[in-house]
PDB file of N, CA and C in Angstrom:
ATOM      1  N   UNK A   1       0.986  -1.100   0.112  1.00  0.00           N
ATOM      2  CA  UNK A   1      -0.115  -0.164   0.197  1.00  0.00           C
ATOM      3  C   UNK A   1       0.985   0.936   0.095  1.00  0.00           C
ATOM      4  N   UNK A   2       0.317   2.545  -0.826  1.00  0.00           N
ATOM      5  CA  UNK A   2       1.125   3.562  -0.831  1.00  0.00           C
ATOM      6  C   UNK A   2       0.374   4.634  -0.890  1.00  0.00           C
ATOM      7  N   UNK A   3       0.791   5.695  -0.043  1.00  0.00           N
ATOM      8  CA  UNK A   3       0.177   7.185   0.367  1.00  0.00           C
ATOM      9  C   UNK A   3       1.174   8.404   0.101  1.00  0.00           C
ATOM     10  N   UNK A   4       0.698   9.452  -0.195  1.00  0.00           N
ATOM     11  CA  UNK A   4       1.339  10.438  -0.199  1.00  0.00           C
ATOM     12  C   UNK A   4       0.590  11.582   1.261  1.00  0.00           C
ATOM     13  N   UNK A   5       1.644  12.131   1.784  1.00  0.00           N
ATOM     14  CA  UNK A   5       0.912  12.990   2.548  1.00  0.00           C
ATOM     15  C   UNK A   5       2.249  14.048   2.656  1.00  0.00           C
ATOM     16  N   UNK A   6       1.826  15.205   3.277  1.00  0.00           N
ATOM     17  CA  UNK A   6       2.538  16.468   3.482  1.00  0.00           C
ATOM     18  C   UNK A   6       3.300  16.442   4.693  1.00  0.00           C
ATOM     19  N   UNK A   7       4.284  17.045   4.818  1.00  0.00           N
ATOM     20  CA  UNK A   7       4.745  17.391   6.124  1.00  0.00           C
ATOM     21  C   UNK A   7       5.443  18.532   5.811  1.00  0.00           C
ATOM     22  N   UNK A   8       5.399  19.969   6.601  1.00  0.00           N
ATOM     23  CA  UNK A   8       6.231  20.584   6.815  1.00  0.00           C
ATOM     24  C   UNK A   8       6.511  20.993   5.076  1.00  0.00           C
ATOM     25  N   UNK A   9       5.559  21.192   4.739  1.00  0.00           N
ATOM     26  CA  UNK A   9       5.580  21.888   3.125  1.00  0.00           C
ATOM     27  C   UNK A   9       6.420  20.551   2.289  1.00  0.00           C
ATOM     28  N   UNK A  10       6.565  19.538   2.712  1.00  0.00           N
ATOM     29  CA  UNK A  10       7.213  18.558   1.673  1.00  0.00           C
ATOM     30  C   UNK A  10       6.133  17.361   1.652  1.00  0.00           C
ATOM     31  N   UNK A  11       6.248  16.889   0.541  1.00  0.00           N
ATOM     32  CA  UNK A  11       5.533  15.791  -0.103  1.00  0.00           C
ATOM     33  C   UNK A  11       5.757  14.709  -0.049  1.00  0.00           C
ATOM     34  N   UNK A  12       6.113  13.706   0.913  1.00  0.00           N
ATOM     35  CA  UNK A  12       6.724  12.454   1.460  1.00  0.00           C
ATOM     36  C   UNK A  12       5.740  11.424   1.254  1.00  0.00           C
ATOM     37  N   UNK A  13       6.358  10.434   0.289  1.00  0.00           N
ATOM     38  CA  UNK A  13       5.864   8.891  -0.642  1.00  0.00           C
ATOM     39  C   UNK A  13       5.591   7.817   1.046  1.00  0.00           C
ATOM     40  N   UNK A  14       4.709   7.484   1.248  1.00  0.00           N
ATOM     41  CA  UNK A  14       5.175   6.150   2.150  1.00  0.00           C
ATOM     42  C   UNK A  14       4.621   4.776   1.492  1.00  0.00           C
ATOM     43  N   UNK A  15       5.270   3.982   2.176  1.00  0.00           N
ATOM     44  CA  UNK A  15       4.425   2.614   1.764  1.00  0.00           C
ATOM     45  C   UNK A  15       5.013   1.627   2.711  1.00  0.00           C
ATOM     46  N   UNK A  16       3.756   0.715   2.481  1.00  0.00           N
ATOM     47  CA  UNK A  16       4.351  -0.210   3.567  1.00  0.00           C
ATOM     48  C   UNK A  16       3.965  -1.436   3.274  1.00  0.00           C
ATOM     49  N   UNK A  17       4.836  -2.393   3.458  1.00  0.00           N
ATOM     50  CA  UNK A  17       4.776  -3.952   3.279  1.00  0.00           C
ATOM     51  C   UNK A  17       5.600  -4.437   4.359  1.00  0.00           C
ATOM     52  N   UNK A  18       5.399  -6.221   4.105  1.00  0.00           N
ATOM     53  CA  UNK A  18       6.323  -6.753   5.038  1.00  0.00           C
ATOM     54  C   UNK A  18       7.719  -6.671   5.561  1.00  0.00           C
ATOM     55  N   UNK A  19       7.812  -6.085   4.337  1.00  0.00           N
ATOM     56  CA  UNK A  19       9.324  -5.481   4.380  1.00  0.00           C
ATOM     57  C   UNK A  19       9.707  -4.336   5.178  1.00  0.00           C
ATOM     58  N   UNK A  20       8.887  -3.688   5.981  1.00  0.00           N
ATOM     59  CA  UNK A  20       8.467  -2.671   6.639  1.00  0.00           C
ATOM     60  C   UNK A  20       8.767  -3.111   7.954  1.00  0.00           C
ATOM     61  N   UNK A  21       8.794  -4.520   8.282  1.00  0.00           N
ATOM     62  CA  UNK A  21       8.954  -4.950   9.600  1.00  0.00           C
ATOM     63  C   UNK A  21      10.625  -5.382   9.488  1.00  0.00           C
ATOM     64  N   UNK A  22      10.771  -5.878   8.404  1.00  0.00           N
ATOM     65  CA  UNK A  22      12.170  -6.006   8.436  1.00  0.00           C
ATOM     66  C   UNK A  22      13.362  -4.979   8.389  1.00  0.00           C
ATOM     67  N   UNK A  23      12.629  -3.942   7.628  1.00  0.00           N
ATOM     68  CA  UNK A  23      13.773  -2.597   7.382  1.00  0.00           C
ATOM     69  C   UNK A  23      13.748  -2.058   8.789  1.00  0.00           C
ATOM     70  N   UNK A  24      12.334  -1.957   9.954  1.00  0.00           N
ATOM     71  CA  UNK A  24      12.460  -1.461  10.846  1.00  0.00           C
ATOM     72  C   UNK A  24      13.485  -1.898  11.702  1.00  0.00           C
ATOM     73  N   UNK A  25      13.638  -3.139  11.890  1.00  0.00           N
ATOM     74  CA  UNK A  25      14.333  -3.771  12.548  1.00  0.00           C
ATOM     75  C   UNK A  25      15.893  -3.812  12.453  1.00  0.00           C
ATOM     76  N   UNK A  26      16.431  -3.725  11.067  1.00  0.00           N
ATOM     77  CA  UNK A  26      17.325  -3.484  10.797  1.00  0.00           C
ATOM     78  C   UNK A  26      17.722  -2.311  10.815  1.00  0.00           C
ATOM     79  N   UNK A  27      17.277  -1.154  10.593  1.00  0.00           N
ATOM     80  CA  UNK A  27      17.696   0.133  10.592  1.00  0.00           C
ATOM     81  C   UNK A  27      17.686   0.700  12.499  1.00  0.00           C
ATOM     82  N   UNK A  28      16.689   0.210  12.977  1.00  0.00           N
ATOM     83  CA  UNK A  28      16.685   0.815  14.484  1.00  0.00           C
ATOM     84  C   UNK A  28      17.129  -0.342  15.472  1.00  0.00           C
ATOM     85  N   UNK A  29      17.522  -1.778  15.261  1.00  0.00           N
ATOM     86  CA  UNK A  29      17.366  -2.465  16.075  1.00  0.00           C
ATOM     87  C   UNK A  29      16.367  -2.940  17.488  1.00  0.00           C
ATOM     88  N   UNK A  30      14.877  -2.901  16.900  1.00  0.00           N
ATOM     89  CA  UNK A  30      14.197  -3.224  17.599  1.00  0.00           C
ATOM     90  C   UNK A  30      12.961  -3.328  16.703  1.00  0.00           C
ATOM     91  N   UNK A  31      11.842  -4.262  17.370  1.00  0.00           N
ATOM     92  CA  UNK A  31      10.448  -4.639  16.380  1.00  0.00           C
ATOM     93  C   UNK A  31       9.640  -2.919  16.567  1.00  0.00           C
ATOM     94  N   UNK A  32       9.232  -3.197  15.183  1.00  0.00           N
ATOM     95  CA  UNK A  32       8.083  -2.013  14.555  1.00  0.00           C
ATOM     96  C   UNK A  32       7.320  -2.227  15.862  1.00  0.00           C
ATOM     97  N   UNK A  33       6.348  -3.291  15.757  1.00  0.00           N
ATOM     98  CA  UNK A  33       5.294  -3.089  16.654  1.00  0.00           C
ATOM     99  C   UNK A  33       5.488  -3.195  18.052  1.00  0.00           C
ATOM    100  N   UNK A  34       6.851  -3.817  18.815  1.00  0.00           N
ATOM    101  CA  UNK A  34       6.760  -3.010  20.461  1.00  0.00           C
ATOM    102  C   UNK A  34       7.098  -1.813  20.370  1.00  0.00           C
ATOM    103  N   UNK A  35       7.851  -0.947  19.677  1.00  0.00           N
ATOM    104  CA  UNK A  35       7.823   0.472  19.732  1.00  0.00           C
ATOM    105  C   UNK A  35       6.743   0.990  19.501  1.00  0.00           C
ATOM    106  N   UNK A  36       5.830   0.344  18.294  1.00  0.00           N
ATOM    107  CA  UNK A  36       4.748   1.049  18.445  1.00  0.00           C
ATOM    108  C   UNK A  36       3.705   1.125  20.006  1.00  0.00           C
ATOM    109  N   UNK A  37       3.986   0.061  20.330  1.00  0.00           N
ATOM    110  CA  UNK A  37       2.912  -0.527  21.703  1.00  0.00           C
ATOM    111  C   UNK A  37       3.776   0.207  22.944  1.00  0.00           C
ATOM    112  N   UNK A  38       5.007   0.251  22.988  1.00  0.00           N
ATOM    113  CA  UNK A  38       5.520   1.045  24.414  1.00  0.00           C
ATOM    114  C   UNK A  38       5.083   2.577  23.939  1.00  0.00           C
ATOM    115  N   UNK A  39       5.217   2.802  22.282  1.00  0.00           N
ATOM    116  CA  UNK A  39       4.571   4.213  22.563  1.00  0.00           C
ATOM    117  C   UNK A  39       3.906   4.451  23.100  1.00  0.00           C
ATOM    118  N   UNK A  40       2.525   3.648  22.621  1.00  0.00           N
ATOM    119  CA  UNK A  40       0.778   3.612  22.940  1.00  0.00           C
ATOM    120  C   UNK A  40       0.602   3.618  24.422  1.00  0.00           C
ATOM    121  N   UNK A  41       1.639   3.095  25.169  1.00  0.00           N
ATOM    122  CA  UNK A  41       1.663   2.437  26.861  1.00  0.00           C
ATOM    123  C   UNK A  41       2.207   3.789  27.408  1.00  0.00           C
ATOM    124  N   UNK A  42       3.467   4.651  26.929  1.00  0.00           N
ATOM    125  CA  UNK A  42       4.112   5.488  27.482  1.00  0.00           C
ATOM    126  C   UNK A  42       3.523   6.883  27.328  1.00  0.00           C
ATOM    127  N   UNK A  43       2.236   7.095  26.226  1.00  0.00           N
ATOM    128  CA  UNK A  43       1.258   8.055  26.392  1.00  0.00           C
ATOM    129  C   UNK A  43       0.206   8.063  26.769  1.00  0.00           C
ATOM    130  N   UNK A  44      -0.575   6.841  27.437  1.00  0.00           N
ATOM    131  CA  UNK A  44      -1.465   6.817  27.784  1.00  0.00           C
ATOM    132  C   UNK A  44      -0.960   7.139  29.592  1.00  0.00           C
ATOM    133  N   UNK A  45       0.171   6.594  29.946  1.00  0.00           N
ATOM    134  CA  UNK A  45       0.626   7.458  31.430  1.00  0.00           C
ATOM    135  C   UNK A  45       0.941   7.902  31.473  1.00  0.00           C
ATOM    136  N   UNK A  46       1.966   8.322  30.561  1.00  0.00           N
ATOM    137  CA  UNK A  46       2.735   9.505  30.632  1.00  0.00           C
ATOM    138  C   UNK A  46       2.724  10.470  29.840  1.00  0.00           C
ATOM    139  N   UNK A  47       1.757  11.414  29.843  1.00  0.00           N
ATOM    140  CA  UNK A  47       1.678  12.614  28.563  1.00  0.00           C
ATOM    141  C   UNK A  47       2.930  13.335  28.405  1.00  0.00           C
ATOM    142  N   UNK A  48       3.758  13.584  29.347  1.00  0.00           N
ATOM    143  CA  UNK A  48       4.987  14.273  28.877  1.00  0.00           C
ATOM    144  C   UNK A  48       6.203  13.622  28.283  1.00  0.00           C
ATOM    145  N   UNK A  49       5.918  12.463  27.915  1.00  0.00           N
ATOM    146  CA  UNK A  49       7.346  11.221  27.309  1.00  0.00           C
ATOM    147  C   UNK A  49       7.183  12.296  25.759  1.00  0.00           C
ATOM    148  N   UNK A  50       6.957  13.054  25.456  1.00  0.00           N
ATOM    149  CA  UNK A  50       7.088  13.766  23.777  1.00  0.00           C
ATOM    150  C   UNK A  50       8.278  13.617  23.203  1.00  0.00           C
ATOM    151  N   UNK A  51       9.667  12.886  23.889  1.00  0.00           N
ATOM    152  CA  UNK A  51      10.638  12.998  23.421  1.00  0.00           C
ATOM    153  C   UNK A  51      10.678  11.515  22.515  1.00  0.00           C
ATOM    154  N   UNK A  52      10.213  10.527  23.354  1.00  0.00           N
ATOM    155  CA  UNK A  52       9.753   9.083  22.771  1.00  0.00           C
ATOM    156  C   UNK A  52       8.797   9.227  21.851  1.00  0.00           C
ATOM    157  N   UNK A  53       7.819   9.844  22.126  1.00  0.00           N
ATOM    158  CA  UNK A  53       6.789   9.893  21.034  1.00  0.00           C
ATOM    159  C   UNK A  53       7.339  10.748  19.583  1.00  0.00           C
ATOM    160  N   UNK A  54       8.198  11.800  19.902  1.00  0.00           N
ATOM    161  CA  UNK A  54       8.635  12.157  18.364  1.00  0.00           C
ATOM    162  C   UNK A  54       9.444  11.161  17.757  1.00  0.00           C
ATOM    163  N   UNK A  55      10.429  10.446  18.751  1.00  0.00           N
ATOM    164  CA  UNK A  55      11.439   9.675  18.215  1.00  0.00           C
ATOM    165  C   UNK A  55      10.947   8.451  17.269  1.00  0.00           C
ATOM    166  N   UNK A  56       9.640   7.797  17.981  1.00  0.00           N
ATOM    167  CA  UNK A  56       9.059   6.882  17.437  1.00  0.00           C
ATOM    168  C   UNK A  56       8.487   7.060  16.191  1.00  0.00           C
ATOM    169  N   UNK A  57       7.549   8.486  16.614  1.00  0.00           N
ATOM    170  CA  UNK A  57       6.943   8.661  15.051  1.00  0.00           C
ATOM    171  C   UNK A  57       8.110   9.022  13.936  1.00  0.00           C
ATOM    172  N   UNK A  58       8.460   9.867  13.924  1.00  0.00           N
ATOM    173  CA  UNK A  58       9.693   9.728  12.877  1.00  0.00           C
ATOM    174  C   UNK A  58      10.589   8.641  12.847  1.00  0.00           C
ATOM    175  N   UNK A  59      10.548   7.797  13.438  1.00  0.00           N
ATOM    176  CA  UNK A  59      11.530   6.433  12.417  1.00  0.00           C
ATOM    177  C   UNK A  59      10.114   5.873  11.941  1.00  0.00           C
ATOM    178  N   UNK A  60       8.877   6.130  12.242  1.00  0.00           N
ATOM    179  CA  UNK A  60       8.053   5.425  11.354  1.00  0.00           C
ATOM    180  C   UNK A  60       8.117   5.623  10.422  1.00  0.00           C
ATOM    181  N   UNK A  61       8.006   7.402   9.958  1.00  0.00           N
ATOM    182  CA  UNK A  61       7.942   7.788   9.324  1.00  0.00           C
ATOM    183  C   UNK A  61       9.011   7.488   7.868  1.00  0.00           C
ATOM    184  N   UNK A  62      10.176   7.337   8.852  1.00  0.00           N
ATOM    185  CA  UNK A  62      11.358   7.696   7.886  1.00  0.00           C
ATOM    186  C   UNK A  62      11.310   5.672   7.293  1.00  0.00           C
ATOM    187  N   UNK A  63      11.124   5.047   8.004  1.00  0.00           N
ATOM    188  CA  UNK A  63      10.758   3.534   7.637  1.00  0.00           C
ATOM    189  C   UNK A  63       9.789   3.288   6.229  1.00  0.00           C
ATOM    190  N   UNK A  64       8.808   3.996   6.439  1.00  0.00           N
ATOM    191  CA  UNK A  64       7.672   4.255   5.585  1.00  0.00           C
ATOM    192  C   UNK A  64       8.045   4.910   4.417  1.00  0.00           C
ATOM    193  N   UNK A  65       8.888   6.177   4.628  1.00  0.00           N
ATOM    194  CA  UNK A  65       9.449   6.653   3.326  1.00  0.00           C
ATOM    195  C   UNK A  65      10.606   5.917   2.272  1.00  0.00           C
ATOM    196  N   UNK A  66      11.315   5.058   3.236  1.00  0.00           N
ATOM    197  CA  UNK A  66      12.788   4.548   2.878  1.00  0.00           C
ATOM    198  C   UNK A  66      12.649   4.139   1.481  1.00  0.00           C
ATOM    199  N   UNK A  67      11.372   3.518   1.040  1.00  0.00           N
ATOM    200  CA  UNK A  67      11.674   2.455  -0.423  1.00  0.00           C
ATOM    201  C   UNK A  67      11.777   4.046  -1.295  1.00  0.00           C
ATOM    202  N   UNK A  68      11.443   5.233  -0.979  1.00  0.00           N
ATOM    203  CA  UNK A  68      11.595   6.280  -2.070  1.00  0.00           C
ATOM    204  C   UNK A  68      12.972   7.336  -1.835  1.00  0.00           C
ATOM    205  N   UNK A  69      13.428   7.009  -0.708  1.00  0.00           N
ATOM    206  CA  UNK A  69      14.352   8.050  -0.294  1.00  0.00           C
ATOM    207  C   UNK A  69      15.762   7.365   0.266  1.00  0.00           C
ATOM    208  N   UNK A  70      16.484   7.390  -0.345  1.00  0.00           N
ATOM    209  CA  UNK A  70      18.256   6.831   0.013  1.00  0.00           C
ATOM    210  C   UNK A  70      19.218   7.154   1.110  1.00  0.00           C
ATOM    211  N   UNK A  71      18.689   8.078   1.842  1.00  0.00           N
ATOM    212  CA  UNK A  71      19.750   8.976   2.585  1.00  0.00           C
ATOM    213  C   UNK A  71      19.440   8.640   4.068  1.00  0.00           C
ATOM    214  N   UNK A  72      20.123   8.877   5.049  1.00  0.00           N
ATOM    215  CA  UNK A  72      20.236   7.885   6.046  1.00  0.00           C
ATOM    216  C   UNK A  72      19.558   8.640   7.498  1.00  0.00           C
ATOM    217  N   UNK A  73      19.148   8.034   8.161  1.00  0.00           N
ATOM    218  CA  UNK A  73      17.876   8.416   9.309  1.00  0.00           C
ATOM    219  C   UNK A  73      18.614   9.676   9.349  1.00  0.00           C
ATOM    220  N   UNK A  74      19.666  10.009   9.885  1.00  0.00           N
ATOM    221  CA  UNK A  74      20.185  11.246  10.608  1.00  0.00           C
ATOM    222  C   UNK A  74      19.966  12.363   9.501  1.00  0.00           C
ATOM    223  N   UNK A  75      20.369  12.333   8.355  1.00  0.00           N
ATOM    224  CA  UNK A  75      19.764  13.361   7.237  1.00  0.00           C
ATOM    225  C   UNK A  75      18.487  13.576   7.173  1.00  0.00           C
ATOM    226  N   UNK A  76      17.593  12.461   7.154  1.00  0.00           N
ATOM    227  CA  UNK A  76      16.126  12.597   7.035  1.00  0.00           C
ATOM    228  C   UNK A  76      15.795  13.987   8.249  1.00  0.00           C
ATOM    229  N   UNK A  77      15.811  13.432   9.500  1.00  0.00           N
ATOM    230  CA  UNK A  77      15.661  14.323  10.278  1.00  0.00           C
ATOM    231  C   UNK A  77      16.100  15.736  10.457  1.00  0.00           C
ATOM    232  N   UNK A  78      17.539  15.700   9.895  1.00  0.00           N
ATOM    233  CA  UNK A  78      17.972  17.104   9.826  1.00  0.00           C
ATOM    234  C   UNK A  78      17.021  17.613   8.750  1.00  0.00           C
ATOM    235  N   UNK A  79      16.246  17.356   7.574  1.00  0.00           N
ATOM    236  CA  UNK A  79      15.593  18.131   6.752  1.00  0.00           C
ATOM    237  C   UNK A  79      14.215  18.804   7.233  1.00  0.00           C
ATOM    238  N   UNK A  80      14.083  18.232   8.812  1.00  0.00           N
ATOM    239  CA  UNK A  80      13.183  19.354   9.223  1.00  0.00           C
ATOM    240  C   UNK A  80      13.361  20.009  10.535  1.00  0.00           C
ATOM    241  N   UNK A  81      12.521  21.013  10.525  1.00  0.00           N
ATOM    242  CA  UNK A  81      13.091  22.178  11.781  1.00  0.00           C
ATOM    243  C   UNK A  81      12.141  21.719  12.897  1.00  0.00           C
ATOM    244  N   UNK A  82      11.885  22.548  13.818  1.00  0.00           N
ATOM    245  CA  UNK A  82      10.744  22.379  15.320  1.00  0.00           C
ATOM    246  C   UNK A  82       9.402  22.581  14.539  1.00  0.00           C
ATOM    247  N   UNK A  83       9.813  23.433  13.192  1.00  0.00           N
ATOM    248  CA  UNK A  83       8.159  23.999  12.954  1.00  0.00           C
ATOM    249  C   UNK A  83       7.266  22.645  12.736  1.00  0.00           C
ATOM    250  N   UNK A  84       8.044  21.712  12.292  1.00  0.00           N
ATOM    251  CA  UNK A  84       7.252  20.202  11.713  1.00  0.00           C
ATOM    252  C   UNK A  84       6.137  20.116  12.837  1.00  0.00           C
ATOM    253  N   UNK A  85       6.675  20.216  14.222  1.00  0.00           N
ATOM    254  CA  UNK A  85       5.726  19.472  15.579  1.00  0.00           C
ATOM    255  C   UNK A  85       4.713  20.711  15.481  1.00  0.00           C
ATOM    256  N   UNK A  86       4.236  22.131  15.006  1.00  0.00           N
ATOM    257  CA  UNK A  86       3.721  22.530  15.277  1.00  0.00           C
ATOM    258  C   UNK A  86       2.121  22.352  14.574  1.00  0.00           C
ATOM    259  N   UNK A  87       2.242  22.082  13.110  1.00  0.00           N
ATOM    260  CA  UNK A  87       0.985  21.886  12.423  1.00  0.00           C
ATOM    261  C   UNK A  87       0.185  20.839  12.628  1.00  0.00           C
ATOM    262  N   UNK A  88      -0.813  20.633  13.597  1.00  0.00           N
ATOM    263  CA  UNK A  88      -1.302  19.819  13.999  1.00  0.00           C
ATOM    264  C   UNK A  88      -2.272  19.001  13.256  1.00  0.00           C
ATOM    265  N   UNK A  89      -2.673  19.637  12.314  1.00  0.00           N
ATOM    266  CA  UNK A  89      -3.690  18.962  11.048  1.00  0.00           C
ATOM    267  C   UNK A  89      -2.634  18.480  10.362  1.00  0.00           C
ATOM    268  N   UNK A  90      -1.545  18.536   9.864  1.00  0.00           N
ATOM    269  CA  UNK A  90      -0.855  17.943   8.983  1.00  0.00           C
ATOM    270  C   UNK A  90      -0.052  16.248  10.191  1.00  0.00           C
ATOM    271  N   UNK A  91       0.113  16.779  11.558  1.00  0.00           N
ATOM    272  CA  UNK A  91       0.422  15.768  12.261  1.00  0.00           C
ATOM    273  C   UNK A  91      -0.846  14.423  12.355  1.00  0.00           C
ATOM    274  N   UNK A  92      -2.039  14.994  12.470  1.00  0.00           N
ATOM    275  CA  UNK A  92      -2.954  14.176  12.665  1.00  0.00           C
ATOM    276  C   UNK A  92      -3.057  13.168  11.361  1.00  0.00           C
ATOM    277  N   UNK A  93      -3.340  13.846  10.514  1.00  0.00           N
ATOM    278  CA  UNK A  93      -3.214  13.372   8.895  1.00  0.00           C
ATOM    279  C   UNK A  93      -2.106  12.290   8.821  1.00  0.00           C
ATOM    280  N   UNK A  94      -1.325  12.663   9.177  1.00  0.00           N
ATOM    281  CA  UNK A  94       0.213  11.835   9.085  1.00  0.00           C
ATOM    282  C   UNK A  94      -0.011  10.534  10.165  1.00  0.00           C
ATOM    283  N   UNK A  95      -0.675  10.776  11.313  1.00  0.00           N
ATOM    284  CA  UNK A  95      -0.988   9.188  12.338  1.00  0.00           C
ATOM    285  C   UNK A  95      -2.032   8.862  11.376  1.00  0.00           C
ATOM    286  N   UNK A  96      -3.314   9.250  11.358  1.00  0.00           N
ATOM    287  CA  UNK A  96      -4.196   8.318  10.650  1.00  0.00           C
ATOM    288  C   UNK A  96      -3.372   7.390   9.036  1.00  0.00           C
ATOM    289  N   UNK A  97      -2.473   7.770   8.489  1.00  0.00           N
ATOM    290  CA  UNK A  97      -1.990   7.537   7.543  1.00  0.00           C
ATOM    291  C   UNK A  97      -1.202   6.558   7.803  1.00  0.00           C
ATOM    292  N   UNK A  98      -0.035   6.753   8.415  1.00  0.00           N
ATOM    293  CA  UNK A  98       0.525   5.540   9.378  1.00  0.00           C
ATOM    294  C   UNK A  98      -0.136   4.440  10.187  1.00  0.00           C
ATOM    295  N   UNK A  99      -1.036   4.612  10.566  1.00  0.00           N
ATOM    296  CA  UNK A  99      -2.046   3.912  11.224  1.00  0.00           C
ATOM    297  C   UNK A  99      -2.966   2.967  10.509  1.00  0.00           C
ATOM    298  N   UNK A 100      -3.323   3.603   9.146  1.00  0.00           N
ATOM    299  CA  UNK A 100      -3.858   2.801   8.202  1.00  0.00           C
ATOM    300  C   UNK A 100      -2.329   1.649   7.396  1.00  0.00           C
ATOM    301  N   UNK A 101      -1.284   2.389   6.907  1.00  0.00           N
ATOM    302  CA  UNK A 101      -0.105   1.562   6.523  1.00  0.00           C
ATOM    303  C   UNK A 101       0.172   0.435   7.110  1.00  0.00           C
ATOM    304  N   UNK A 102       0.203   1.190   8.822  1.00  0.00           N
ATOM    305  CA  UNK A 102       0.922  -0.273   9.297  1.00  0.00           C
ATOM    306  C   UNK A 102      -0.228  -1.419   9.774  1.00  0.00           C
ATOM    307  N   UNK A 103      -1.475  -0.926   9.681  1.00  0.00           N
ATOM    308  CA  UNK A 103      -2.916  -1.730   9.932  1.00  0.00           C
ATOM    309  C   UNK A 103      -2.447  -2.913   8.969  1.00  0.00           C
ATOM    310  N   UNK A 104      -1.983  -2.452   7.499  1.00  0.00           N
ATOM    311  CA  UNK A 104      -2.066  -3.251   6.567  1.00  0.00           C
ATOM    312  C   UNK A 104      -0.962  -4.269   6.648  1.00  0.00           C
ATOM    313  N   UNK A 105       0.054  -3.431   7.286  1.00  0.00           N
ATOM    314  CA  UNK A 105       1.420  -4.381   7.488  1.00  0.00           C
ATOM    315  C   UNK A 105       0.913  -5.156   8.557  1.00  0.00           C
ATOM    316  N   UNK A 106       0.413  -4.952   9.610  1.00  0.00           N
ATOM    317  CA  UNK A 106      -0.094  -6.203  10.711  1.00  0.00           C
ATOM    318  C   UNK A 106      -0.952  -7.102   9.754  1.00  0.00           C
ATOM    319  N   UNK A 107      -1.932  -6.574   9.620  1.00  0.00           N
ATOM    320  CA  UNK A 107      -2.973  -7.587   8.459  1.00  0.00           C
ATOM    321  C   UNK A 107      -2.063  -8.696   7.691  1.00  0.00           C
ATOM    322  N   UNK A 108      -1.197  -8.364   7.041  1.00  0.00           N
ATOM    323  CA  UNK A 108      -0.773  -9.159   6.309  1.00  0.00           C
ATOM    324  C   UNK A 108       0.514 -10.177   6.630  1.00  0.00           C
ATOM    325  N   UNK A 109       1.121  -9.866   8.190  1.00  0.00           N
ATOM    326  CA  UNK A 109       2.231 -10.315   8.972  1.00  0.00           C
ATOM    327  C   UNK A 109       1.531 -11.428   9.609  1.00  0.00           C
ATOM    328  N   UNK A 110       0.055 -11.195  10.249  1.00  0.00           N
ATOM    329  CA  UNK A 110      -0.808 -12.302  11.125  1.00  0.00           C
ATOM    330  C   UNK A 110      -1.433 -13.446  10.261  1.00  0.00           C
ATOM    331  N   UNK A 111      -1.048 -12.973   8.582  1.00  0.00           N
ATOM    332  CA  UNK A 111      -1.515 -14.310   8.109  1.00  0.00           C
ATOM    333  C   UNK A 111      -0.099 -14.908   7.685  1.00  0.00           C
ATOM    334  N   UNK A 112       0.813 -14.829   8.112  1.00  0.00           N
ATOM    335  CA  UNK A 112       1.955 -15.706   7.974  1.00  0.00           C
ATOM    336  C   UNK A 112       2.440 -16.532   9.357  1.00  0.00           C
ATOM    337  N   UNK A 113       3.529 -17.022   9.337  1.00  0.00           N
ATOM    338  CA  UNK A 113       4.260 -17.046   9.886  1.00  0.00           C
ATOM    339  C   UNK A 113       5.105 -16.469  10.636  1.00  0.00           C
ATOM    340  N   UNK A 114       4.927 -15.043  10.423  1.00  0.00           N
ATOM    341  CA  UNK A 114       6.022 -14.313  10.932  1.00  0.00           C
ATOM    342  C   UNK A 114       4.965 -13.711  12.720  1.00  0.00           C
ATOM    343  N   UNK A 115       3.692 -13.866  12.635  1.00  0.00           N
ATOM    344  CA  UNK A 115       3.021 -13.922  13.952  1.00  0.00           C
ATOM    345  C   UNK A 115       3.438 -14.515  14.954  1.00  0.00           C
ATOM    346  N   UNK A 116       3.998 -13.691  15.974  1.00  0.00           N
ATOM    347  CA  UNK A 116       4.666 -14.479  17.270  1.00  0.00           C
ATOM    348  C   UNK A 116       3.292 -15.134  18.245  1.00  0.00           C
ATOM    349  N   UNK A 117       2.293 -14.615  17.713  1.00  0.00           N
ATOM    350  CA  UNK A 117       1.008 -15.118  18.941  1.00  0.00           C
ATOM    351  C   UNK A 117       0.544 -16.343  18.202  1.00  0.00           C
ATOM    352  N   UNK A 118       1.086 -16.835  16.990  1.00  0.00           N
ATOM    353  CA  UNK A 118       0.633 -17.873  17.066  1.00  0.00           C
ATOM    354  C   UNK A 118       1.405 -19.096  17.227  1.00  0.00           C
TER     355      UNK A 118
END
């Protein structure tokens, strides 16, 4: 699945597939859905953990954008300034698109032996 979103005046193409899970682990050394779950728990119990939220959010954006982007995560982050965090409408849309894309990945992985709950 592929979607295009606007973030801080830039159009970002995002794509999800089963490779998204592998790529996330390869780049960041942790499991994608574990990080998403930790993020959800942290935000529900401690609303002040903004740094963790930003970290996981931009990791997700990077990995979903990676099929169309060949530079490092550091370079990707450096292409944004703090104003990226002020446009609530863009961030809300982005969160919805990420949820949709990751929901598709999760559905695909649950249909395979990759699902650790089976």
